[in-house]
């Protein structure tokens, strides 16, 4: 514990006058001393490629020091809703009040690290066997695919590529019935300013009409100044609405309701605080018809401290928010992961699933993505194998054959 405390003390005593957004989410291959200090407080997926396995022990230490939690047990900290809502309210997550009963998509698309271990590429993976059925190389030199999202169905996708010039580009492609990628081409709204905050800072509505992203400047900025934006692009009209945020906000785990009326994100608050930590994460929702301006004036917390999500996703109706909640058992000591379903409007816990096994350490920040129906979830970065979860049955199944290919982002 002394080592962790020493590292936390060093990180907190670091120069807080200026900070570059790259210290939150560095470009592939970039790693500064300040980056490494900040990662003690907010681990990134770059740490979890298999060569560097740093557990969230630092986050647990912050939880003990800052939050004062003696033992964090899943299910006992259901956010601001202290009493669970009736389980029947989970049906409100779906149109008509019925959970879809279809099979999960046959393929998902994963952003994975290439042979050099620093840059990323896209792989099409069979969700049943884990076998790679196709690959997409970086679209240009010094521009690498990082994020991916389904575009209205399980055969059409949007991918975001980040460049060394601090820009983000969007591409569209499709899958054949055999899982082969075809038709890669830039979207009409191909480029947005800044670099994508996080591999999970991209989402598309099930209607296929709205695309959401979070990007940031690459120059050093003051904590009290805006350094990034959450944007929603109307794809048919090629128009964009943006909301600006301050540090320590770093919006990730973006998802949209099926209609696109609500946008969900997981992030530290946009309040200019000099302290960043995963334990200050909340799941927030934003109405996409809100007037442009400061994000803090328009978003609303759904799940937040003392429970801190690492990933979340909206249901198709937007009335339910599913959140991944890590918990550190100091007596073991081990981590456990719980999936909680919350009423988006009231923040009340509807149901929780204790389906994920306990581990001695985490390989990264657990993340979650839903298929277009919203009935099936894919949990990744929890272990080296993604897990498929059928919400209708509560059954979780690991995707075989993925242990050697750590996914950075996933869409299906």
Protein backbone atom coordinates (compact mmCIF):
# COMPACT_ATOMS: atom_id res chain seq x y z
CA UNK A 1 0.00 0.00 0.00
CA UNK A 2 2.92 2.36 0.65
CA UNK A 3 3.93 2.12 -2.98
CA UNK A 4 0.42 2.98 -4.13
CA UNK A 5 0.21 5.87 -1.66
CA UNK A 6 3.58 7.18 -2.84
CA UNK A 7 2.45 7.06 -6.44
CA UNK A 8 -0.83 8.76 -5.66
CA UNK A 9 1.00 11.47 -3.71
CA UNK A 10 3.36 12.06 -6.64
CA UNK A 11 0.44 12.24 -9.05
CA UNK A 12 -1.52 14.69 -6.91
CA UNK A 13 1.57 16.89 -6.44
CA UNK A 14 2.20 17.11 -10.17
CA UNK A 15 2.06 20.51 -11.81
CA UNK A 16 -1.64 21.44 -12.04
CA UNK A 17 -1.36 24.80 -13.82
CA UNK A 18 -1.62 23.37 -17.32
CA UNK A 19 -2.37 20.00 -18.76
CA UNK A 20 -2.56 18.63 -22.27
CA UNK A 21 -5.58 16.56 -23.22
CA UNK A 22 -3.19 13.94 -24.46
CA UNK A 23 -2.46 13.19 -20.80
CA UNK A 24 -5.93 11.71 -20.59
CA UNK A 25 -5.94 9.70 -23.80
CA UNK A 26 -2.58 9.66 -25.60
CA UNK A 27 -2.23 8.98 -29.29
CA UNK A 28 -0.77 5.57 -30.11
CA UNK A 29 2.91 5.49 -29.30
CA UNK A 30 2.91 8.70 -27.20
CA UNK A 31 3.74 8.36 -23.53
CA UNK A 32 4.98 11.24 -21.41
CA UNK A 33 5.93 11.33 -17.75
CA UNK A 34 2.78 13.29 -16.98
CA UNK A 35 0.73 10.69 -18.88
CA UNK A 36 2.09 7.95 -16.67
CA UNK A 37 1.27 9.94 -13.54
CA UNK A 38 -2.31 10.55 -14.63
CA UNK A 39 -2.79 6.87 -15.51
CA UNK A 40 -2.31 5.98 -11.87
CA UNK A 41 -5.58 7.82 -11.28
CA UNK A 42 -7.41 6.88 -14.48
CA UNK A 43 -6.06 3.77 -16.20
CA UNK A 44 -6.26 3.70 -19.99
CA UNK A 45 -6.69 0.78 -22.33
CA UNK A 46 -3.13 1.26 -23.55
CA UNK A 47 -2.03 -0.19 -20.19
CA UNK A 48 -3.85 -3.44 -20.81
CA UNK A 49 -2.27 -4.91 -23.93
CA UNK A 50 -0.97 -7.91 -21.99
CA UNK A 51 2.55 -6.54 -21.53
CA UNK A 52 1.48 -3.99 -18.92
CA UNK A 53 -1.11 -5.28 -16.46
CA UNK A 54 -1.73 -2.57 -13.86
CA UNK A 55 -4.76 -3.31 -11.66
CA UNK A 56 -7.07 -0.52 -10.54
CA UNK A 57 -5.46 -0.63 -7.12
CA UNK A 58 -4.67 3.07 -7.38
CA UNK A 59 -8.35 3.76 -8.03
CA UNK A 60 -9.23 1.64 -5.02
CA UNK A 61 -6.78 3.65 -2.93
CA UNK A 62 -8.41 6.86 -4.10
CA UNK A 63 -11.80 5.38 -3.24
CA UNK A 64 -10.58 4.67 0.27
CA UNK A 65 -8.75 7.99 0.73
CA UNK A 66 -11.21 10.32 -0.98
CA UNK A 67 -14.56 8.58 -0.79
CA UNK A 68 -13.90 6.89 2.52
CA UNK A 69 -15.37 3.55 1.50
CA UNK A 70 -14.19 0.78 3.79
CA UNK A 71 -15.49 -2.06 1.67
CA UNK A 72 -17.18 -1.54 -1.69
CA UNK A 73 -19.68 -4.32 -2.36
CA UNK A 74 -21.72 -4.46 -5.58
CA UNK A 75 -25.45 -4.08 -5.13
CA UNK A 76 -25.09 -2.17 -1.88
CA UNK A 77 -24.34 1.14 -3.54
CA UNK A 78 -27.04 1.56 -6.19
CA UNK A 79 -26.27 5.21 -6.89
CA UNK A 80 -28.67 7.90 -5.76
CA UNK A 81 -31.66 5.53 -5.86
CA UNK A 82 -31.38 3.90 -2.46
CA UNK A 83 -34.25 1.45 -3.02
CA UNK A 84 -34.64 -0.74 -6.10
CA UNK A 85 -37.55 0.01 -8.40
CA UNK A 86 -39.99 -2.79 -9.35
CA UNK A 87 -38.27 -5.25 -11.70
CA UNK A 88 -41.15 -4.93 -14.15
CA UNK A 89 -39.94 -1.46 -15.02
CA UNK A 90 -37.07 -3.02 -16.94
CA UNK A 91 -39.58 -3.66 -19.74
CA UNK A 92 -39.71 0.09 -20.32
CA UNK A 93 -36.25 -0.26 -21.87
CA UNK A 94 -37.82 -1.58 -25.07
CA UNK A 95 -40.53 -0.37 -27.46
CA UNK A 96 -43.88 -1.88 -26.55
CA UNK A 97 -42.52 -3.02 -23.19
CA UNK A 98 -41.19 -6.30 -24.58
CA UNK A 99 -37.59 -7.50 -24.55
CA UNK A 100 -36.55 -8.68 -28.02
CA UNK A 101 -35.92 -12.40 -28.17
CA UNK A 102 -33.74 -12.62 -31.27
CA UNK A 103 -30.27 -14.09 -31.61
CA UNK A 104 -27.21 -11.88 -31.18
CA UNK A 105 -25.45 -10.55 -34.30
CA UNK A 106 -23.24 -13.09 -36.04
CA UNK A 107 -20.27 -10.71 -36.19
CA UNK A 108 -18.83 -7.82 -34.27
CA UNK A 109 -16.12 -5.39 -35.30
CA UNK A 110 -13.23 -4.82 -32.92
CA UNK A 111 -10.48 -2.23 -32.90
CA UNK A 112 -7.33 -4.10 -31.89
CA UNK A 113 -3.62 -3.41 -31.71
CA UNK A 114 -1.59 -4.29 -34.76
CA UNK A 115 1.71 -6.17 -34.85
CA UNK A 116 3.68 -3.11 -33.68
CA UNK A 117 1.63 -2.95 -30.47
CA UNK A 118 1.10 0.81 -30.78
CA UNK A 119 -1.28 1.43 -33.67
CA UNK A 120 -4.74 -0.04 -34.14
CA UNK A 121 -6.69 -1.67 -36.94
CA UNK A 122 -10.15 -3.18 -37.36
CA UNK A 123 -11.02 -6.87 -37.25
CA UNK A 124 -14.34 -8.54 -38.02
CA UNK A 125 -14.92 -11.34 -35.52
CA UNK A 126 -17.44 -14.18 -35.36
CA UNK A 127 -19.37 -13.72 -32.12
CA UNK A 128 -19.87 -17.50 -31.91
CA UNK A 129 -16.33 -18.72 -32.52
CA UNK A 130 -14.05 -15.72 -32.07
CA UNK A 131 -12.58 -16.39 -35.51
CA UNK A 132 -11.43 -13.36 -37.50
CA UNK A 133 -13.32 -13.22 -40.80
CA UNK A 134 -11.86 -9.97 -42.15
CA UNK A 135 -9.54 -7.07 -41.43
CA UNK A 136 -9.42 -3.39 -42.36
CA UNK A 137 -6.02 -1.71 -42.46
CA UNK A 138 -5.53 1.96 -41.52
CA UNK A 139 -7.04 4.16 -44.24
CA UNK A 140 -3.93 6.31 -44.71
CA UNK A 141 -0.40 6.69 -43.40
CA UNK A 142 -0.35 8.18 -39.89
CA UNK A 143 -4.11 7.76 -39.51
CA UNK A 144 -5.36 4.82 -37.46
CA UNK A 145 -8.77 3.35 -36.73
CA UNK A 146 -9.61 3.56 -33.06
CA UNK A 147 -13.39 3.61 -32.51
CA UNK A 148 -16.23 1.82 -34.25
CA UNK A 149 -20.04 1.85 -33.98
CA UNK A 150 -22.94 0.07 -35.69
CA UNK A 151 -24.78 2.26 -38.20
CA UNK A 152 -28.44 1.33 -37.75
CA UNK A 153 -27.99 -2.45 -38.21
CA UNK A 154 -25.48 -5.23 -37.60
CA UNK A 155 -24.05 -5.15 -41.12
CA UNK A 156 -23.18 -1.45 -41.54
CA UNK A 157 -20.65 0.41 -39.41
CA UNK A 158 -18.93 3.74 -38.84
CA UNK A 159 -15.27 3.83 -37.80
CA UNK A 160 -13.33 6.80 -36.44
CA UNK A 161 -9.67 7.22 -37.37
CA UNK A 162 -7.36 9.56 -35.48
CA UNK A 163 -4.45 11.35 -37.13
CA UNK A 164 -1.17 12.77 -35.90
CA UNK A 165 -2.36 16.26 -36.87
CA UNK A 166 -4.95 16.18 -34.09
CA UNK A 167 -7.90 15.36 -36.31
CA UNK A 168 -10.61 12.71 -36.38
CA UNK A 169 -12.06 11.21 -39.56
CA UNK A 170 -15.17 9.07 -40.02
CA UNK A 171 -15.54 6.18 -42.46
CA UNK A 172 -18.40 3.91 -43.41
CA UNK A 173 -18.20 0.24 -44.40
CA UNK A 174 -20.41 -2.84 -44.56
CA UNK A 175 -20.12 -6.58 -43.91
CA UNK A 176 -21.06 -9.36 -46.29
CA UNK A 177 -23.01 -12.40 -45.12
CA UNK A 178 -19.63 -14.13 -44.66
CA UNK A 179 -18.28 -11.36 -42.42
CA UNK A 180 -16.05 -9.71 -45.04
CA UNK A 181 -15.71 -5.90 -44.87
CA UNK A 182 -16.56 -4.04 -48.08
CA UNK A 183 -17.14 -0.52 -49.35
CA UNK A 184 -14.91 1.52 -47.03
CA UNK A 185 -15.48 5.23 -47.76
CA UNK A 186 -15.42 8.54 -45.87
CA UNK A 187 -18.71 9.83 -44.51
CA UNK A 188 -20.12 13.05 -45.95
CA UNK A 189 -19.17 14.65 -42.61
CA UNK A 190 -15.74 13.11 -42.79
CA UNK A 191 -13.67 15.20 -40.37
CA UNK A 192 -14.20 16.92 -37.03
CA UNK A 193 -11.70 19.11 -35.15
CA UNK A 194 -9.61 17.62 -32.38
CA UNK A 195 -8.69 14.08 -31.50
CA UNK A 196 -11.19 11.50 -30.31
CA UNK A 197 -11.05 11.44 -26.50
CA UNK A 198 -11.36 7.70 -26.09
CA UNK A 199 -11.87 4.61 -28.26
CA UNK A 200 -15.41 4.50 -26.85
CA UNK A 201 -16.13 8.17 -27.67
CA UNK A 202 -18.25 7.28 -30.70
CA UNK A 203 -21.90 6.22 -31.02
CA UNK A 204 -24.61 6.05 -33.67
CA UNK A 205 -28.36 5.85 -33.08
CA UNK A 206 -30.21 2.69 -34.09
CA UNK A 207 -32.11 4.84 -36.57
CA UNK A 208 -28.78 5.49 -38.28
CA UNK A 209 -29.51 9.23 -38.41
CA UNK A 210 -27.39 10.64 -35.57
CA UNK A 211 -23.68 10.19 -34.84
CA UNK A 212 -22.19 11.30 -31.52
CA UNK A 213 -18.54 11.81 -30.67
CA UNK A 214 -16.27 13.46 -28.08
CA UNK A 215 -13.03 15.10 -29.21
CA UNK A 216 -10.43 17.35 -27.64
CA UNK A 217 -7.74 19.84 -28.51
CA UNK A 218 -4.17 18.61 -28.45
CA UNK A 219 -2.58 21.79 -27.07
CA UNK A 220 -2.11 22.40 -23.35
CA UNK A 221 -5.03 24.20 -21.73
CA UNK A 222 -5.92 25.69 -18.35
CA UNK A 223 -8.24 23.67 -16.17
CA UNK A 224 -10.86 26.41 -16.17
CA UNK A 225 -10.95 26.62 -19.96
CA UNK A 226 -12.88 24.46 -22.40
CA UNK A 227 -10.64 21.99 -24.16
CA UNK A 228 -13.02 19.60 -25.89
CA UNK A 229 -16.48 19.09 -27.26
CA UNK A 230 -19.25 16.54 -27.42
CA UNK A 231 -20.80 16.66 -30.88
CA UNK A 232 -23.94 15.20 -32.42
CA UNK A 233 -24.01 15.01 -36.21
CA UNK A 234 -27.28 14.79 -38.13
CA UNK A 235 -26.06 12.52 -40.91
CA UNK A 236 -28.84 13.16 -43.45
CA UNK A 237 -28.50 16.92 -43.06
CA UNK A 238 -24.73 17.03 -42.38
CA UNK A 239 -25.27 19.44 -39.48
CA UNK A 240 -23.53 19.30 -36.10
CA UNK A 241 -24.44 20.54 -32.60
CA UNK A 242 -21.66 20.75 -30.00
CA UNK A 243 -21.32 21.18 -26.24
CA UNK A 244 -17.95 22.20 -24.73
CA UNK A 245 -16.40 20.62 -21.63
CA UNK A 246 -13.59 21.32 -19.18
CA UNK A 247 -11.13 19.06 -17.44
CA UNK A 248 -11.25 16.59 -15.81
CA UNK A 249 -14.14 15.52 -18.08
CA UNK A 250 -13.14 12.96 -20.71
CA UNK A 251 -16.43 11.64 -22.13
CA UNK A 252 -16.32 8.00 -23.14
CA UNK A 253 -18.67 5.01 -23.35
CA UNK A 254 -21.02 7.03 -25.56
CA UNK A 255 -24.40 5.59 -26.54
CA UNK A 256 -27.62 6.94 -28.04
CA UNK A 257 -31.23 5.94 -27.62
CA UNK A 258 -32.72 4.36 -30.75
CA UNK A 259 -34.30 7.63 -31.86
CA UNK A 260 -31.19 9.62 -30.95
CA UNK A 261 -33.09 11.92 -28.57
CA UNK A 262 -30.83 11.02 -25.62
CA UNK A 263 -27.04 10.73 -25.49
CA UNK A 264 -25.30 8.89 -22.64
CA UNK A 265 -21.65 9.21 -21.62
CA UNK A 266 -19.36 8.16 -18.78
CA UNK A 267 -16.98 10.82 -17.52
CA UNK A 268 -15.56 12.82 -14.67
CA UNK A 269 -17.56 16.04 -14.26
CA UNK A 270 -16.85 19.07 -16.43
CA UNK A 271 -16.07 21.40 -13.55
CA UNK A 272 -12.44 22.46 -13.90
CA UNK A 273 -11.26 20.34 -10.97
CA UNK A 274 -7.53 19.61 -10.78
CA UNK A 275 -8.14 16.02 -9.63
CA UNK A 276 -9.00 13.24 -12.05
CA UNK A 277 -9.88 9.73 -10.97
CA UNK A 278 -11.95 6.84 -12.19
CA UNK A 279 -13.80 6.89 -8.86
CA UNK A 280 -15.26 10.30 -9.79
CA UNK A 281 -16.89 8.84 -12.89
CA UNK A 282 -20.63 9.23 -13.46
CA UNK A 283 -22.96 8.14 -16.24
CA UNK A 284 -24.62 11.26 -17.65
CA UNK A 285 -27.41 11.84 -20.15
CA UNK A 286 -27.86 14.77 -22.51
CA UNK A 287 -30.88 15.65 -24.61
CA UNK A 288 -29.60 16.00 -28.14
CA UNK A 289 -32.08 18.79 -28.87
CA UNK A 290 -30.43 20.91 -26.15
CA UNK A 291 -29.08 24.27 -27.21
CA UNK A 292 -25.33 24.26 -27.93
CA UNK A 293 -23.10 25.57 -25.16
CA UNK A 294 -21.30 24.34 -22.03
CA UNK A 295 -21.89 20.64 -21.43
CA UNK A 296 -22.22 21.14 -17.67
CA UNK A 297 -25.34 23.24 -18.21
CA UNK A 298 -27.16 20.50 -20.10
CA UNK A 299 -26.13 17.03 -18.95
CA UNK A 300 -27.70 15.20 -15.97
CA UNK A 301 -26.25 12.50 -13.74
CA UNK A 302 -27.85 9.05 -13.75
CA UNK A 303 -25.28 6.93 -11.90
CA UNK A 304 -22.39 8.38 -9.95
CA UNK A 305 -20.25 8.37 -6.82
CA UNK A 306 -20.04 6.62 -4.46
CA UNK A 307 -20.86 4.03 -7.14
CA UNK A 308 -18.64 4.74 -10.13
CA UNK A 309 -19.31 3.22 -13.54
CA UNK A 310 -16.58 2.42 -16.04
CA UNK A 311 -19.03 1.95 -18.89
CA UNK A 312 -22.73 2.41 -19.60
CA UNK A 313 -25.25 2.11 -22.41
CA UNK A 314 -28.76 3.41 -23.00
CA UNK A 315 -31.67 1.09 -23.76
CA UNK A 316 -33.46 1.59 -27.10
CA UNK A 317 -36.17 3.76 -25.51
CA UNK A 318 -33.64 5.64 -23.40
CA UNK A 319 -35.73 4.97 -20.29
CA UNK A 320 -33.17 2.54 -18.82
CA UNK A 321 -29.42 3.00 -18.42
CA UNK A 322 -27.26 -0.10 -18.02
CA UNK A 323 -24.01 0.56 -16.14
CA UNK A 324 -20.92 -1.51 -15.31
CA UNK A 325 -19.92 -1.08 -11.68
CA UNK A 326 -16.54 -2.41 -10.48
CA UNK A 327 -16.18 -3.09 -6.78
CA UNK A 328 -13.02 -3.75 -4.82
CA UNK A 329 -13.25 -6.23 -1.95
CA UNK A 330 -10.46 -5.25 0.42
CA UNK A 331 -10.90 -8.36 2.53
CA UNK A 332 -10.20 -10.69 -0.43
CA UNK A 333 -8.66 -8.52 -2.02
CA UNK A 334 -10.38 -8.87 -5.37
CA UNK A 335 -12.43 -6.99 -7.91
CA UNK A 336 -15.98 -7.86 -8.88
CA UNK A 337 -18.08 -6.44 -11.67
CA UNK A 338 -21.83 -5.87 -11.50
CA UNK A 339 -24.22 -4.78 -14.23
CA UNK A 340 -26.90 -2.42 -12.93
CA UNK A 341 -30.06 -1.27 -14.71
CA UNK A 342 -31.25 2.20 -13.68
CA UNK A 343 -34.29 4.26 -14.49
CA UNK A 344 -32.85 7.08 -16.54
CA UNK A 345 -35.41 9.64 -15.36
CA UNK A 346 -35.26 8.86 -11.63
CA UNK A 347 -31.79 7.33 -11.19
CA UNK A 348 -33.35 4.41 -9.29
CA UNK A 349 -31.86 0.94 -9.48
CA UNK A 350 -34.20 -1.49 -11.24
CA UNK A 351 -32.08 -4.61 -11.19
CA UNK A 352 -28.50 -5.79 -10.85
CA UNK A 353 -26.73 -8.84 -12.24
CA UNK A 354 -23.87 -10.40 -10.25
CA UNK A 355 -22.80 -12.49 -13.19
CA UNK A 356 -19.15 -11.66 -13.56
CA UNK A 357 -16.52 -13.65 -11.64
CA UNK A 358 -14.13 -12.10 -9.21
CA UNK A 359 -10.55 -11.50 -10.30
CA UNK A 360 -7.36 -10.53 -8.53
CA UNK A 361 -6.76 -7.65 -10.93
CA UNK A 362 -8.39 -5.93 -13.88
CA UNK A 363 -6.83 -5.84 -17.33
CA UNK A 364 -8.40 -2.46 -18.13
CA UNK A 365 -11.48 -0.31 -17.70
CA UNK A 366 -14.49 -2.61 -18.22
CA UNK A 367 -16.55 -1.43 -21.18
CA UNK A 368 -19.95 -2.27 -22.59
CA UNK A 369 -21.72 -2.04 -25.95
CA UNK A 370 -25.21 -3.06 -27.05
CA UNK A 371 -26.42 -4.48 -30.32
CA UNK A 372 -29.01 -2.52 -32.28
CA UNK A 373 -31.91 -4.36 -30.61
CA UNK A 374 -30.57 -3.53 -27.16
CA UNK A 375 -31.22 -7.10 -26.02
CA UNK A 376 -27.63 -8.27 -26.17
CA UNK A 377 -24.64 -6.62 -24.53
CA UNK A 378 -20.96 -7.23 -25.09
CA UNK A 379 -18.69 -6.61 -22.10
CA UNK A 380 -14.98 -6.22 -22.84
CA UNK A 381 -11.77 -5.05 -21.15
CA UNK A 382 -12.93 -6.94 -18.05
CA UNK A 383 -10.93 -9.98 -18.98
CA UNK A 384 -9.04 -10.69 -22.18
CA UNK A 385 -12.13 -12.42 -23.54
CA UNK A 386 -15.25 -10.34 -24.29
CA UNK A 387 -18.47 -11.70 -22.79
CA UNK A 388 -21.87 -11.77 -24.49
CA UNK A 389 -24.83 -11.09 -22.22
CA UNK A 390 -28.42 -11.91 -23.16
CA UNK A 391 -30.61 -9.57 -21.11
CA UNK A 392 -33.69 -11.71 -21.72
CA UNK A 393 -32.09 -14.70 -19.95
CA UNK A 394 -29.30 -13.09 -17.93
CA UNK A 395 -26.85 -15.59 -19.41
CA UNK A 396 -23.26 -14.52 -20.07
CA UNK A 397 -20.99 -16.41 -22.45
CA UNK A 398 -17.34 -15.69 -23.23
CA UNK A 399 -16.31 -15.23 -26.84
CA UNK A 400 -13.73 -17.97 -27.46
CA UNK A 401 -10.39 -17.37 -29.09
CA UNK A 402 -10.11 -13.66 -28.22
CA UNK A 403 -7.53 -13.84 -25.44
CA UNK A 404 -4.62 -13.08 -27.75
CA UNK A 405 -6.30 -10.04 -29.36
CA UNK A 406 -7.12 -7.46 -26.76
CA UNK A 407 -10.05 -5.33 -28.07
CA UNK A 408 -9.74 -1.56 -27.75
CA UNK A 409 -13.29 -0.88 -28.91
CA UNK A 410 -16.12 -3.09 -30.11
CA UNK A 411 -19.34 -2.65 -32.09
CA UNK A 412 -21.98 -5.17 -33.16
